[in-house]
Amino acid sequence: MTGEAHIVVDLGFGDSGKGTVTDHLVRATGAQLVVRFNGGAQAGHTVVLEDGRYHTFSQLGAGSFVPGVGTHLSRFMIVHPGGLLEEARVLSQKGVMAVLDGLSIDPEALVISPFQQAANRLREVLRGDERHGSCGLGIGETQQDALEFSEGAIRALDLSDPDLLRLKLQRLQQRKWELFYPHRAALKKDPQGALELAVLESSEVADRWIAQAGLLAEQVRIGEIEWPETVVLEGAQGVLLDEWRGFHPHTTWSRCTFANALELLQGWRGTVRKWGVLRAYGTRHGAGPFPTQDESLLLSEHHNATGPWQGAFRQGWLDTVLARYAIECCQGIDALALTHLDRVGDGWRLATGYEGVPGAFYTQGRLRLGTFQDLDYQQSLGQALAEARPCYEAITASRFIERLEGSLGVSVGLESWGPCPHHKRSRVCR
């Protein structure tokens, strides 16, 4: 394999603009394929066009508005068949026809069942005020089942085998029903709980889902990546939500760094460019530490809102301490893609340090990187961040990019001054 590969990773808690950056890179490089290398249907990558069309990409690559650009869902993706069919239908109404013809799915990619999605939501209902901030689509439930009951996991290669699907679904449904049966009375009293419990007790859900799976299998190619000369690898969520480097338990069941993409690129003999995406201000969906949250920062959001499972959409100032931590988790990046620059005005603030964080976790403006896969440390780090008091620096709009580059030690290679393709400006990295 030779050519040019661009990897797009969010350095925050998600929602930094991976979709618009992916769309730009596809257009700028002539990439023929977008590879999704983590996460699943919980992604929401919005692309806005000059003609007014827009789409929030979930499973299909955010380069799909460009004619001839395909999508590959790698073995690290978790596939939602019904979601894919619906996304293709919505895109067809926006002029993107036969998008599934350009879709391939790795045979080993995990597939979400309706019973895992229901179980995911029921767990959140039972947590009450202690919710983890799930997207409610069954991502973590599917991953956990694959680890604990690997022989019963549904994978993309099973989608065209209705008899095997029925057997696996029956076992999943029974197992999930037994898990939540002791809580049945309490769940019945909760509107959301009652709705999801009905899924586990339905005799029809499996039949409908098998029909959807078969329809998807007929329209896509189940097979490994066919690498083109130029490719964009599109990440999901953000490094600060990474399953091992995020702040447990408010994390996703997915590697959100460059690790999965680099594993897919083993043997690639072309160039690889690692892009780290940041908003000009901080955001976070739902529960978990967010040191720079500022409830007075009420910037309008056209494509993000409070949801029943994720919780509130929160805003705050850009946190260079967390950005440095994310870059270190990624073992460095080649360039920054800085989005939402049109929002920056005089009197803007950057968090440049913390007070109130113990030295075991923080020193000289940097968070200490713990041992990989030490979730106890990550949970303690998150608890420390919940008590952090940010130190702010006021900065003029004209100095914002220069100051950020100096603080992070990385050049901005792409500026985004609005949602559309013509709002993007490439820069020469130093």
Foldseek 3Di string as FASTA:
>chain_A
DAAEEEEEFALAQFPQALLLVQLLCCVVVVAQEEEEQAEEQLFFHKFAAPVGDIGGDRHWHSNQVDPRHAYEYEQRYEYELVSVVVSQVVVVVVVRHLRQLRYEYEQNRFYDALLLLLLQQLVQVVCVPNGLQDSSRNQVSLVVCCVVPVVLTDGLNCLQPLVSLVVSVVVSLVVSCVVCVVVVVVLCVDPSSVVSNVVSVDPCRSVVSSVSSNVSPVSHHHHHDDDDNYYYYGYGGHQCQAPWQHQPPNHGPIGRACVRVVVSCVVYPYDYFYEYGGEQWHKHFADFFDLFWDPVPCDDDPRDAADPRNGGITTGGAELQSSLSSCVVNVHGAAYAYEQLLPDAAQGKYFQAWPQADPVQDDPSYGDGDDTRPNVVSNVNRVSSNRIHTDMDGDGSVCSQVVSCVSNVHHHQKYANDNYSVRIDGDDTD
